[in-house]
Structures are given as structure tokens and as C-alpha cells.
Amino acid sequence: MKTVAQEASDRFTIKKSEFIGIIVPVNSMSEATERVTATWAQFDGARHIAWAANVANRVRMSDDGEPSGTAGMPILNVLQHQAIDQVLLMVVRYYGGIKLGAGGLTRAYSQAASMAVQAATYIPYIATVMCRITTDYAKEAQVRHFAQQFDAALLDTSYGESWTVTIEVLATHLEAFKVQLTNGLQGQLSFEVLTDS
């Protein structure tokens, strides 16, 4: 998998309608939707901002008022064909007064999305998962030991009635890490996988 190194965009005009493709790296679906909202302010007077996002292989899309399947789906198809993760791909449309028809819209949104994808530079993407572990203080050393074995990063710890730690682990290691930890601590822990909204 890969993700974009930084925001990139490109544009073209067809029958007086301008289509602007924008690709942006994001870390969560909530960040993606917030970015769509911010883009409305940036492109004052735009008629539509259709988009698709792929975050940790979870996808969402929006036609934003265009006929169903003519905007969000073509954008998502571009993302999935290129195997890009942790990304938001938007197409801003300024309507020029001439209707393009369903086929024309589908081609235009697909072309603008493809142009943005081609304009971007990419970096490898290695999926990680955040999890929260709660256990007795006496088990802290064991948790740290297992985390080190799996190259997992301890990000945040808190000390209350029990010891709680947030750990970032490679997605490919998650299940094995959970099994090893549960067995090693003889089930005396709470293991919660944290997901974004």
C-alpha cells in the first residue's frame, strides 16, 4: 500500500464546467469530512464537492447532490485501482451552465480524480492500529516486554486504580500481539482496539 506524501491537485474544463481534483493525506474519517467542509470555504461558489476517502481500508464517498453513482463512485474507483490508503480524494465542480449527462459526469469526475492522483507523490504506507490495555501494576513489565517483542510503541500511560497504556502496533501483528499478551498475562487484562470515527 501507499499514501500521498502531501496535498496535490490538477484541473480541467469541459463545456464551461471546471473540475478540480484534490488529493490529501488523512489519518481518520473524521479528518476527511472536516477537510471536505474546509474545502467548501476555500472554493467559494463551487456547485459540488464530491469525494471518496480510504482510511485503513474503510471507505466512504459522497456524490454531493450529483446524480447517484456519477461522482463519488468514479472517484472511489480511482482510489481503489491505485491501492492508495489514508487518503481523501475530492473533485470540486464549478458548473458552467451546460449539462453533461450521466455518462459525461462520470467521465469528468473520474478524469479529475485521476489527474490529482497522477499529480501526487507517494510514500509507502504501513498500517498500524492503536489499542488500549488495562491491567494490574504488577503486569507493567510484562506488557512492556511483549510490546518490545512486536516492535510496538507505548504512547500514553496512566496510573489510576490499575495501569492503562495506549500502544501502536502494526496491523499485521495485532492478532498475534493480542494472543501473546492475553496468554502471557493469563487473561488478566482489558484489551481494546481503538478506532477513529
N, C-alpha and C. Protein backbone atom coordinates (compact mmCIF):
# COMPACT_ATOMS: atom_id res chain seq x y z
N MET A 1 0.83 -1.19 0.00
CA MET A 1 0.00 0.00 0.00
C MET A 1 0.88 1.25 0.00
N LYS A 2 0.25 2.35 -0.44
CA LYS A 2 0.95 3.62 -0.45
C LYS A 2 -0.02 4.71 -0.03
N THR A 3 0.53 5.87 0.34
CA THR A 3 -0.28 7.03 0.63
C THR A 3 0.40 8.25 0.02
N VAL A 4 -0.31 9.36 -0.01
CA VAL A 4 0.28 10.55 -0.61
C VAL A 4 1.19 11.24 0.40
N ALA A 5 2.27 11.79 -0.12
CA ALA A 5 3.23 12.49 0.74
C ALA A 5 2.68 13.83 1.18
N GLN A 6 1.93 14.49 0.30
CA GLN A 6 1.36 15.81 0.59
C GLN A 6 0.23 16.09 -0.39
N GLU A 7 -0.50 17.14 -0.12
CA GLU A 7 -1.63 17.50 -0.98
C GLU A 7 -1.17 17.77 -2.41
N ALA A 8 -1.99 17.35 -3.38
CA ALA A 8 -1.71 17.62 -4.80
C ALA A 8 -3.05 17.86 -5.50
N SER A 9 -2.99 18.59 -6.61
CA SER A 9 -4.23 18.86 -7.34
C SER A 9 -3.95 19.11 -8.81
N ASP A 10 -5.02 19.03 -9.59
CA ASP A 10 -4.96 19.35 -11.02
C ASP A 10 -6.38 19.69 -11.44
N ARG A 11 -6.53 20.32 -12.61
CA ARG A 11 -7.86 20.75 -13.04
C ARG A 11 -8.00 20.72 -14.54
N PHE A 12 -9.25 20.68 -15.00
CA PHE A 12 -9.54 20.82 -16.41
C PHE A 12 -10.96 21.37 -16.57
N THR A 13 -11.27 21.86 -17.76
CA THR A 13 -12.59 22.43 -18.04
C THR A 13 -13.21 21.68 -19.21
N ILE A 14 -14.50 21.38 -19.09
CA ILE A 14 -15.25 20.75 -20.16
C ILE A 14 -16.63 21.39 -20.22
N LYS A 15 -17.03 21.86 -21.40
CA LYS A 15 -18.33 22.51 -21.59
C LYS A 15 -18.61 23.56 -20.52
N LYS A 16 -17.60 24.38 -20.27
CA LYS A 16 -17.65 25.50 -19.34
C LYS A 16 -17.73 25.11 -17.87
N SER A 17 -17.76 23.82 -17.55
CA SER A 17 -17.68 23.38 -16.15
C SER A 17 -16.22 23.09 -15.82
N GLU A 18 -15.77 23.63 -14.68
CA GLU A 18 -14.40 23.38 -14.25
C GLU A 18 -14.41 22.29 -13.18
N PHE A 19 -13.53 21.32 -13.33
CA PHE A 19 -13.38 20.22 -12.38
C PHE A 19 -11.97 20.28 -11.79
N ILE A 20 -11.89 20.32 -10.47
CA ILE A 20 -10.60 20.41 -9.78
C ILE A 20 -10.44 19.18 -8.89
N GLY A 21 -9.49 18.34 -9.21
CA GLY A 21 -9.20 17.15 -8.40
C GLY A 21 -8.17 17.49 -7.33
N ILE A 22 -8.44 17.08 -6.10
CA ILE A 22 -7.54 17.37 -4.97
C ILE A 22 -7.37 16.08 -4.16
N ILE A 23 -6.13 15.69 -3.94
CA ILE A 23 -5.85 14.51 -3.12
C ILE A 23 -5.07 14.95 -1.88
N VAL A 24 -5.49 14.44 -0.72
CA VAL A 24 -4.96 14.90 0.56
C VAL A 24 -4.72 13.71 1.49
N PRO A 25 -3.57 13.65 2.17
CA PRO A 25 -3.39 12.59 3.16
C PRO A 25 -4.24 12.87 4.40
N VAL A 26 -4.88 11.84 4.95
CA VAL A 26 -5.68 11.98 6.18
C VAL A 26 -5.42 10.78 7.08
N ASN A 27 -5.66 10.97 8.38
CA ASN A 27 -5.43 9.91 9.35
C ASN A 27 -6.70 9.26 9.86
N SER A 28 -7.87 9.88 9.57
CA SER A 28 -9.13 9.34 10.06
C SER A 28 -10.27 9.81 9.17
N MET A 29 -11.41 9.12 9.27
CA MET A 29 -12.59 9.55 8.51
C MET A 29 -13.08 10.90 9.00
N SER A 30 -12.98 11.15 10.30
CA SER A 30 -13.41 12.45 10.80
C SER A 30 -12.53 13.57 10.24
N GLU A 31 -11.24 13.32 10.10
CA GLU A 31 -10.35 14.31 9.49
C GLU A 31 -10.73 14.53 8.02
N ALA A 32 -11.11 13.46 7.34
CA ALA A 32 -11.52 13.57 5.93
C ALA A 32 -12.76 14.45 5.79
N THR A 33 -13.78 14.21 6.61
CA THR A 33 -15.01 15.00 6.49
C THR A 33 -14.79 16.46 6.90
N GLU A 34 -13.92 16.67 7.89
CA GLU A 34 -13.58 18.05 8.28
C GLU A 34 -12.87 18.76 7.13
N ARG A 35 -12.03 18.03 6.41
CA ARG A 35 -11.31 18.63 5.29
C ARG A 35 -12.26 18.99 4.14
N VAL A 36 -13.27 18.15 3.91
CA VAL A 36 -14.28 18.46 2.89
C VAL A 36 -14.99 19.77 3.26
N THR A 37 -15.37 19.90 4.52
CA THR A 37 -16.03 21.12 4.99
C THR A 37 -15.13 22.34 4.78
N ALA A 38 -13.85 22.20 5.11
CA ALA A 38 -12.91 23.31 4.93
C ALA A 38 -12.73 23.66 3.46
N THR A 39 -12.84 22.68 2.59
CA THR A 39 -12.66 22.91 1.15
C THR A 39 -13.79 23.76 0.59
N TRP A 40 -15.00 23.62 1.15
CA TRP A 40 -16.11 24.49 0.72
C TRP A 40 -15.75 25.96 0.92
N ALA A 41 -15.11 26.28 2.03
CA ALA A 41 -14.72 27.67 2.30
C ALA A 41 -13.63 28.14 1.33
N GLN A 42 -12.78 27.20 0.95
CA GLN A 42 -11.66 27.53 0.05
C GLN A 42 -12.13 27.79 -1.38
N PHE A 43 -13.17 27.06 -1.82
CA PHE A 43 -13.65 27.18 -3.20
C PHE A 43 -15.05 27.79 -3.21
N ASP A 44 -15.09 29.05 -2.87
CA ASP A 44 -16.35 29.78 -2.80
C ASP A 44 -17.05 29.77 -4.16
N GLY A 45 -18.32 29.45 -4.17
CA GLY A 45 -19.08 29.45 -5.43
C GLY A 45 -19.10 28.11 -6.14
N ALA A 46 -18.40 27.12 -5.59
CA ALA A 46 -18.43 25.78 -6.21
C ALA A 46 -19.84 25.21 -6.10
N ARG A 47 -20.26 24.44 -7.10
CA ARG A 47 -21.59 23.83 -7.07
C ARG A 47 -21.59 22.50 -6.31
N HIS A 48 -20.53 21.71 -6.52
CA HIS A 48 -20.44 20.40 -5.87
C HIS A 48 -19.00 20.13 -5.42
N ILE A 49 -18.87 19.39 -4.32
CA ILE A 49 -17.58 18.80 -3.95
C ILE A 49 -17.86 17.34 -3.65
N ALA A 50 -17.67 16.50 -4.65
CA ALA A 50 -17.83 15.06 -4.50
C ALA A 50 -16.51 14.49 -4.00
N TRP A 51 -16.58 13.40 -3.26
CA TRP A 51 -15.34 12.89 -2.68
C TRP A 51 -15.44 11.40 -2.34
N ALA A 52 -14.26 10.84 -2.12
CA ALA A 52 -14.13 9.47 -1.62
C ALA A 52 -12.92 9.45 -0.70
N ALA A 53 -13.01 8.65 0.35
CA ALA A 53 -11.90 8.51 1.29
C ALA A 53 -11.66 7.03 1.56
N ASN A 54 -10.40 6.68 1.71
CA ASN A 54 -10.00 5.33 2.09
C ASN A 54 -9.06 5.47 3.29
N VAL A 55 -9.52 5.01 4.45
CA VAL A 55 -8.73 5.10 5.67
C VAL A 55 -8.70 3.72 6.32
N ALA A 56 -7.52 3.15 6.37
CA ALA A 56 -7.33 1.80 6.94
C ALA A 56 -8.31 0.81 6.29
N ASN A 57 -8.43 0.91 4.97
CA ASN A 57 -9.30 0.06 4.16
C ASN A 57 -10.79 0.20 4.49
N ARG A 58 -11.17 1.29 5.14
CA ARG A 58 -12.58 1.64 5.30
C ARG A 58 -12.86 2.78 4.33
N VAL A 59 -13.94 2.65 3.56
CA VAL A 59 -14.21 3.66 2.53
C VAL A 59 -15.52 4.38 2.78
N ARG A 60 -15.54 5.64 2.39
CA ARG A 60 -16.76 6.44 2.37
C ARG A 60 -16.70 7.31 1.13
N MET A 61 -17.87 7.70 0.65
CA MET A 61 -17.90 8.56 -0.54
C MET A 61 -19.18 9.39 -0.53
N SER A 62 -19.18 10.43 -1.35
CA SER A 62 -20.35 11.29 -1.47
C SER A 62 -20.45 11.82 -2.90
N ASP A 63 -21.67 11.74 -3.47
CA ASP A 63 -21.94 12.36 -4.78
C ASP A 63 -22.22 13.86 -4.62
N ASP A 64 -22.47 14.31 -3.41
CA ASP A 64 -22.78 15.71 -3.11
C ASP A 64 -23.82 16.30 -4.05
N GLY A 65 -24.93 15.61 -4.21
CA GLY A 65 -26.02 16.16 -5.00
C GLY A 65 -25.99 15.86 -6.48
N GLU A 66 -24.90 15.33 -6.98
CA GLU A 66 -24.86 14.89 -8.38
C GLU A 66 -25.71 13.61 -8.49
N PRO A 67 -26.17 13.27 -9.69
CA PRO A 67 -26.95 12.03 -9.83
C PRO A 67 -26.20 10.83 -9.24
N SER A 68 -26.93 9.97 -8.54
CA SER A 68 -26.34 8.85 -7.83
C SER A 68 -25.40 8.03 -8.71
N GLY A 69 -24.18 7.81 -8.19
CA GLY A 69 -23.20 6.98 -8.89
C GLY A 69 -22.36 7.69 -9.93
N THR A 70 -22.61 8.99 -10.15
CA THR A 70 -21.87 9.69 -11.20
C THR A 70 -20.64 10.44 -10.70
N ALA A 71 -20.47 10.55 -9.37
CA ALA A 71 -19.36 11.35 -8.84
C ALA A 71 -18.54 10.58 -7.80
N GLY A 72 -19.17 10.23 -6.67
CA GLY A 72 -18.43 9.55 -5.61
C GLY A 72 -17.85 8.22 -6.03
N MET A 73 -18.64 7.41 -6.74
CA MET A 73 -18.17 6.09 -7.16
C MET A 73 -17.00 6.16 -8.14
N PRO A 74 -17.05 7.02 -9.17
CA PRO A 74 -15.88 7.12 -10.05
C PRO A 74 -14.61 7.56 -9.31
N ILE A 75 -14.78 8.45 -8.32
CA ILE A 75 -13.62 8.89 -7.53
C ILE A 75 -13.08 7.72 -6.71
N LEU A 76 -13.98 6.98 -6.05
CA LEU A 76 -13.57 5.82 -5.26
C LEU A 76 -12.89 4.77 -6.14
N ASN A 77 -13.41 4.56 -7.33
CA ASN A 77 -12.80 3.58 -8.25
C ASN A 77 -11.35 3.93 -8.55
N VAL A 78 -11.07 5.23 -8.72
CA VAL A 78 -9.69 5.67 -8.98
C VAL A 78 -8.81 5.32 -7.78
N LEU A 79 -9.30 5.60 -6.57
CA LEU A 79 -8.53 5.29 -5.35
C LEU A 79 -8.24 3.80 -5.24
N GLN A 80 -9.28 3.00 -5.43
CA GLN A 80 -9.11 1.56 -5.24
C GLN A 80 -8.24 0.94 -6.32
N HIS A 81 -8.32 1.45 -7.53
CA HIS A 81 -7.49 0.94 -8.62
C HIS A 81 -6.01 1.21 -8.34
N GLN A 82 -5.71 2.31 -7.67
CA GLN A 82 -4.32 2.69 -7.40
C GLN A 82 -3.80 2.16 -6.06
N ALA A 83 -4.67 1.51 -5.25
CA ALA A 83 -4.29 0.97 -3.94
C ALA A 83 -3.65 2.05 -3.05
N ILE A 84 -4.40 3.14 -2.87
CA ILE A 84 -3.94 4.26 -2.03
C ILE A 84 -4.76 4.24 -0.74
N ASP A 85 -4.06 4.33 0.41
CA ASP A 85 -4.74 4.33 1.70
C ASP A 85 -4.44 5.64 2.44
N GLN A 86 -5.19 5.88 3.52
CA GLN A 86 -5.04 7.08 4.35
C GLN A 86 -5.15 8.33 3.49
N VAL A 87 -6.22 8.41 2.70
CA VAL A 87 -6.29 9.48 1.72
C VAL A 87 -7.73 9.93 1.49
N LEU A 88 -7.87 11.20 1.18
CA LEU A 88 -9.13 11.81 0.75
C LEU A 88 -8.91 12.33 -0.66
N LEU A 89 -9.83 11.97 -1.56
CA LEU A 89 -9.76 12.44 -2.95
C LEU A 89 -11.06 13.18 -3.24
N MET A 90 -10.94 14.47 -3.51
CA MET A 90 -12.10 15.32 -3.77
C MET A 90 -12.08 15.84 -5.20
N VAL A 91 -13.26 16.09 -5.73
CA VAL A 91 -13.37 16.80 -7.01
C VAL A 91 -14.35 17.95 -6.81
N VAL A 92 -13.84 19.15 -6.98
CA VAL A 92 -14.64 20.37 -6.88
C VAL A 92 -15.17 20.69 -8.28
N ARG A 93 -16.48 20.98 -8.37
CA ARG A 93 -17.06 21.32 -9.68
C ARG A 93 -17.67 22.71 -9.64
N TYR A 94 -17.23 23.53 -10.58
CA TYR A 94 -17.89 24.80 -10.85
C TYR A 94 -18.74 24.58 -12.09
N TYR A 95 -20.04 24.71 -11.94
CA TYR A 95 -20.98 24.43 -13.03
C TYR A 95 -20.96 25.55 -14.06
N GLY A 96 -20.85 25.15 -15.33
CA GLY A 96 -20.75 26.14 -16.40
C GLY A 96 -22.04 26.39 -17.16
N GLY A 97 -23.13 25.75 -16.73
CA GLY A 97 -24.41 26.02 -17.37
C GLY A 97 -24.81 25.03 -18.45
N ILE A 98 -23.91 24.12 -18.81
CA ILE A 98 -24.23 23.12 -19.84
C ILE A 98 -24.21 21.74 -19.18
N LYS A 99 -25.33 21.02 -19.27
CA LYS A 99 -25.42 19.69 -18.66
C LYS A 99 -24.54 18.70 -19.41
N LEU A 100 -23.91 17.82 -18.65
CA LEU A 100 -23.00 16.83 -19.24
C LEU A 100 -23.65 15.46 -19.40
N GLY A 101 -24.79 15.24 -18.74
CA GLY A 101 -25.40 13.92 -18.76
C GLY A 101 -24.67 12.98 -17.82
N ALA A 102 -25.31 11.87 -17.48
CA ALA A 102 -24.73 10.93 -16.51
C ALA A 102 -23.37 10.39 -16.96
N GLY A 103 -23.27 9.98 -18.21
CA GLY A 103 -22.00 9.45 -18.71
C GLY A 103 -20.91 10.51 -18.72
N GLY A 104 -21.27 11.71 -19.12
CA GLY A 104 -20.30 12.82 -19.14
C GLY A 104 -19.82 13.18 -17.75
N LEU A 105 -20.74 13.18 -16.78
CA LEU A 105 -20.35 13.46 -15.40
C LEU A 105 -19.41 12.39 -14.86
N THR A 106 -19.76 11.14 -15.10
CA THR A 106 -18.92 10.04 -14.62
C THR A 106 -17.51 10.15 -15.18
N ARG A 107 -17.40 10.43 -16.47
CA ARG A 107 -16.07 10.57 -17.10
C ARG A 107 -15.33 11.78 -16.54
N ALA A 108 -16.03 12.88 -16.34
CA ALA A 108 -15.38 14.10 -15.85
C ALA A 108 -14.86 13.93 -14.43
N TYR A 109 -15.67 13.35 -13.55
CA TYR A 109 -15.21 13.14 -12.17
C TYR A 109 -14.07 12.14 -12.13
N SER A 110 -14.15 11.11 -12.93
CA SER A 110 -13.07 10.13 -12.99
C SER A 110 -11.78 10.77 -13.50
N GLN A 111 -11.88 11.60 -14.54
CA GLN A 111 -10.70 12.25 -15.10
C GLN A 111 -10.06 13.20 -14.10
N ALA A 112 -10.87 14.02 -13.41
CA ALA A 112 -10.32 14.97 -12.44
C ALA A 112 -9.64 14.22 -11.29
N ALA A 113 -10.27 13.13 -10.83
CA ALA A 113 -9.69 12.32 -9.76
C ALA A 113 -8.36 11.71 -10.22
N SER A 114 -8.35 11.18 -11.43
CA SER A 114 -7.12 10.56 -11.97
C SER A 114 -6.00 11.58 -12.12
N MET A 115 -6.35 12.80 -12.55
CA MET A 115 -5.34 13.84 -12.71
C MET A 115 -4.71 14.21 -11.36
N ALA A 116 -5.53 14.29 -10.31
CA ALA A 116 -4.99 14.59 -8.98
C ALA A 116 -4.07 13.47 -8.51
N VAL A 117 -4.49 12.21 -8.74
CA VAL A 117 -3.68 11.06 -8.35
C VAL A 117 -2.33 11.08 -9.08
N GLN A 118 -2.36 11.44 -10.36
CA GLN A 118 -1.12 11.49 -11.15
C GLN A 118 -0.21 12.64 -10.72
N ALA A 119 -0.81 13.71 -10.18
CA ALA A 119 -0.02 14.87 -9.76
C ALA A 119 0.67 14.65 -8.41
N ALA A 120 0.23 13.64 -7.67
CA ALA A 120 0.74 13.42 -6.31
C ALA A 120 2.05 12.64 -6.30
N THR A 121 2.79 12.81 -5.21
CA THR A 121 3.94 11.96 -4.94
C THR A 121 3.56 11.02 -3.79
N TYR A 122 4.15 9.84 -3.77
CA TYR A 122 3.71 8.80 -2.86
C TYR A 122 4.82 8.30 -1.96
N ILE A 123 4.40 7.81 -0.81
CA ILE A 123 5.31 7.17 0.14
C ILE A 123 4.69 5.84 0.55
N PRO A 124 5.49 4.86 0.94
CA PRO A 124 4.92 3.59 1.39
C PRO A 124 4.05 3.81 2.63
N TYR A 125 2.98 3.06 2.72
CA TYR A 125 2.10 3.15 3.89
C TYR A 125 2.10 1.82 4.61
N ILE A 126 2.44 1.86 5.88
CA ILE A 126 2.42 0.67 6.72
C ILE A 126 1.33 0.88 7.76
N ALA A 127 0.29 0.07 7.68
CA ALA A 127 -0.87 0.24 8.57
C ALA A 127 -0.54 -0.13 10.00
N THR A 128 -0.94 0.75 10.92
CA THR A 128 -0.81 0.47 12.35
C THR A 128 -2.18 0.59 13.01
N VAL A 129 -2.28 0.01 14.18
CA VAL A 129 -3.52 0.03 14.95
C VAL A 129 -3.19 0.49 16.36
N MET A 130 -4.09 1.29 16.92
CA MET A 130 -3.94 1.72 18.30
C MET A 130 -4.79 0.82 19.19
N CYS A 131 -4.24 0.41 20.32
CA CYS A 131 -5.01 -0.37 21.27
C CYS A 131 -4.73 0.13 22.68
N ARG A 132 -5.71 -0.08 23.54
CA ARG A 132 -5.59 0.34 24.93
C ARG A 132 -5.63 -0.90 25.82
N ILE A 133 -4.63 -1.01 26.68
CA ILE A 133 -4.52 -2.17 27.56
C ILE A 133 -4.59 -1.68 29.01
N THR A 134 -5.43 -2.34 29.77
CA THR A 134 -5.55 -2.03 31.19
C THR A 134 -5.28 -3.31 31.98
N THR A 135 -4.40 -3.21 32.96
CA THR A 135 -4.06 -4.38 33.78
C THR A 135 -3.52 -3.93 35.13
N ASP A 136 -3.11 -4.87 35.96
CA ASP A 136 -2.54 -4.55 37.27
C ASP A 136 -1.14 -3.96 37.09
N TYR A 137 -0.75 -3.13 38.06
CA TYR A 137 0.60 -2.55 38.03
C TYR A 137 1.68 -3.61 37.94
N ALA A 138 1.45 -4.74 38.59
CA ALA A 138 2.44 -5.81 38.62
C ALA A 138 2.73 -6.38 37.23
N LYS A 139 1.82 -6.15 36.27
CA LYS A 139 1.97 -6.71 34.93
C LYS A 139 2.65 -5.73 33.96
N GLU A 140 2.96 -4.52 34.43
CA GLU A 140 3.51 -3.50 33.53
C GLU A 140 4.76 -3.98 32.80
N ALA A 141 5.69 -4.60 33.52
CA ALA A 141 6.94 -5.05 32.90
C ALA A 141 6.67 -6.08 31.81
N GLN A 142 5.69 -6.98 32.05
CA GLN A 142 5.36 -7.99 31.03
C GLN A 142 4.78 -7.34 29.78
N VAL A 143 3.90 -6.37 29.97
CA VAL A 143 3.30 -5.68 28.83
C VAL A 143 4.39 -4.99 28.01
N ARG A 144 5.29 -4.31 28.71
CA ARG A 144 6.40 -3.63 28.01
C ARG A 144 7.27 -4.63 27.25
N HIS A 145 7.49 -5.79 27.85
CA HIS A 145 8.30 -6.84 27.21
C HIS A 145 7.63 -7.32 25.91
N PHE A 146 6.32 -7.62 25.97
CA PHE A 146 5.62 -8.09 24.78
C PHE A 146 5.57 -6.99 23.70
N ALA A 147 5.38 -5.76 24.13
CA ALA A 147 5.36 -4.65 23.17
C ALA A 147 6.69 -4.56 22.44
N GLN A 148 7.78 -4.72 23.17
CA GLN A 148 9.11 -4.66 22.55
C GLN A 148 9.30 -5.81 21.56
N GLN A 149 8.81 -7.00 21.90
CA GLN A 149 8.93 -8.15 21.00
C GLN A 149 8.23 -7.89 19.66
N PHE A 150 7.14 -7.14 19.70
CA PHE A 150 6.36 -6.89 18.48
C PHE A 150 6.64 -5.51 17.87
N ASP A 151 7.71 -4.87 18.30
CA ASP A 151 8.07 -3.53 17.80
C ASP A 151 6.90 -2.56 17.93
N ALA A 152 6.14 -2.69 19.01
CA ALA A 152 5.00 -1.82 19.26
C ALA A 152 5.45 -0.63 20.10
N ALA A 153 4.84 0.52 19.84
CA ALA A 153 5.22 1.75 20.54
C ALA A 153 4.23 2.04 21.68
N LEU A 154 4.77 2.29 22.87
CA LEU A 154 3.94 2.71 24.00
C LEU A 154 3.80 4.23 23.93
N LEU A 155 2.56 4.69 23.77
CA LEU A 155 2.34 6.11 23.52
C LEU A 155 1.88 6.89 24.73
N ASP A 156 1.06 6.27 25.55
CA ASP A 156 0.48 7.02 26.66
C ASP A 156 0.19 6.06 27.80
N THR A 157 0.60 6.41 28.99
CA THR A 157 0.30 5.56 30.14
C THR A 157 -0.40 6.40 31.21
N SER A 158 -1.27 5.74 31.96
CA SER A 158 -1.91 6.43 33.08
C SER A 158 -1.99 5.46 34.26
N TYR A 159 -1.86 6.04 35.43
CA TYR A 159 -1.85 5.26 36.66
C TYR A 159 -3.05 5.67 37.51
N GLY A 160 -4.00 4.79 37.62
CA GLY A 160 -5.17 5.01 38.47
C GLY A 160 -5.32 3.79 39.36
N GLU A 161 -6.52 3.24 39.41
CA GLU A 161 -6.72 2.00 40.17
C GLU A 161 -5.96 0.85 39.53
N SER A 162 -5.73 0.97 38.23
CA SER A 162 -4.92 -0.01 37.51
C SER A 162 -4.03 0.74 36.52
N TRP A 163 -3.20 0.02 35.79
CA TRP A 163 -2.28 0.63 34.84
C TRP A 163 -2.88 0.54 33.44
N THR A 164 -2.95 1.68 32.75
CA THR A 164 -3.51 1.72 31.40
C THR A 164 -2.46 2.29 30.45
N VAL A 165 -2.33 1.65 29.30
CA VAL A 165 -1.35 2.09 28.31
C VAL A 165 -1.98 2.04 26.92
N THR A 166 -1.67 3.04 26.11
CA THR A 166 -2.07 3.05 24.70
C THR A 166 -0.86 2.63 23.89
N ILE A 167 -1.06 1.65 23.02
CA ILE A 167 0.05 1.08 22.25
C ILE A 167 -0.29 1.12 20.77
N GLU A 168 0.71 1.46 19.96
CA GLU A 168 0.57 1.42 18.50
C GLU A 168 1.33 0.20 18.00
N VAL A 169 0.62 -0.67 17.27
CA VAL A 169 1.21 -1.91 16.78
C VAL A 169 0.89 -2.06 15.29
N LEU A 170 1.77 -2.71 14.55
CA LEU A 170 1.50 -2.96 13.14
C LEU A 170 0.20 -3.75 13.01
N ALA A 171 -0.63 -3.37 12.06
CA ALA A 171 -1.91 -4.06 11.86
C ALA A 171 -1.71 -5.55 11.62
N THR A 172 -0.64 -5.89 10.91
CA THR A 172 -0.36 -7.30 10.61
C THR A 172 0.05 -8.09 11.86
N HIS A 173 0.46 -7.39 12.93
CA HIS A 173 0.89 -8.04 14.17
C HIS A 173 -0.19 -8.04 15.23
N LEU A 174 -1.31 -7.35 14.99
CA LEU A 174 -2.29 -7.12 16.05
C LEU A 174 -2.79 -8.40 16.71
N GLU A 175 -3.25 -9.35 15.91
CA GLU A 175 -3.84 -10.55 16.49
C GLU A 175 -2.82 -11.37 17.26
N ALA A 176 -1.63 -11.52 16.70
CA ALA A 176 -0.58 -12.28 17.39
C ALA A 176 -0.18 -11.58 18.69
N PHE A 177 -0.09 -10.26 18.65
CA PHE A 177 0.24 -9.47 19.84
C PHE A 177 -0.81 -9.68 20.92
N LYS A 178 -2.08 -9.61 20.53
CA LYS A 178 -3.18 -9.79 21.49
C LYS A 178 -3.14 -11.19 22.12
N VAL A 179 -2.91 -12.20 21.28
CA VAL A 179 -2.86 -13.59 21.78
C VAL A 179 -1.70 -13.76 22.77
N GLN A 180 -0.52 -13.29 22.37
CA GLN A 180 0.67 -13.42 23.24
C GLN A 180 0.46 -12.70 24.57
N LEU A 181 -0.10 -11.50 24.48
CA LEU A 181 -0.33 -10.70 25.68
C LEU A 181 -1.35 -11.35 26.59
N THR A 182 -2.45 -11.81 26.01
CA THR A 182 -3.52 -12.45 26.79
C THR A 182 -3.01 -13.73 27.46
N ASN A 183 -2.25 -14.53 26.71
CA ASN A 183 -1.68 -15.76 27.27
C ASN A 183 -0.65 -15.44 28.35
N GLY A 184 0.23 -14.48 28.04
CA GLY A 184 1.30 -14.13 28.97
C GLY A 184 0.78 -13.57 30.29
N LEU A 185 -0.33 -12.83 30.23
CA LEU A 185 -0.91 -12.24 31.44
C LEU A 185 -2.04 -13.10 31.99
N GLN A 186 -2.19 -14.28 31.42
CA GLN A 186 -3.21 -15.25 31.86
C GLN A 186 -4.61 -14.62 31.89
N GLY A 187 -4.88 -13.79 30.86
CA GLY A 187 -6.20 -13.19 30.71
C GLY A 187 -6.50 -12.05 31.66
N GLN A 188 -5.53 -11.64 32.47
CA GLN A 188 -5.75 -10.59 33.46
C GLN A 188 -5.48 -9.20 32.87
N LEU A 189 -6.29 -8.83 31.87
CA LEU A 189 -6.14 -7.54 31.21
C LEU A 189 -7.42 -7.20 30.45
N SER A 190 -7.54 -5.95 30.13
CA SER A 190 -8.60 -5.48 29.22
C SER A 190 -7.85 -5.02 27.97
N PHE A 191 -8.30 -5.50 26.79
CA PHE A 191 -7.64 -5.19 25.53
C PHE A 191 -8.67 -4.58 24.60
N GLU A 192 -8.50 -3.31 24.27
CA GLU A 192 -9.48 -2.60 23.44
C GLU A 192 -8.77 -2.03 22.20
N VAL A 193 -9.30 -2.34 21.03
CA VAL A 193 -8.77 -1.76 19.80
C VAL A 193 -9.47 -0.43 19.59
N LEU A 194 -8.68 0.63 19.41
CA LEU A 194 -9.23 1.98 19.25
C LEU A 194 -9.43 2.26 17.76
N THR A 195 -10.61 2.70 17.41
CA THR A 195 -10.89 3.06 16.02
C THR A 195 -11.31 4.50 15.95
N ASP A 196 -11.04 5.13 14.80
CA ASP A 196 -11.48 6.51 14.62
C ASP A 196 -12.93 6.53 14.15
N SER A 197 -13.52 7.70 14.25
CA SER A 197 -14.92 7.84 13.82
C SER A 197 -15.01 8.19 12.37
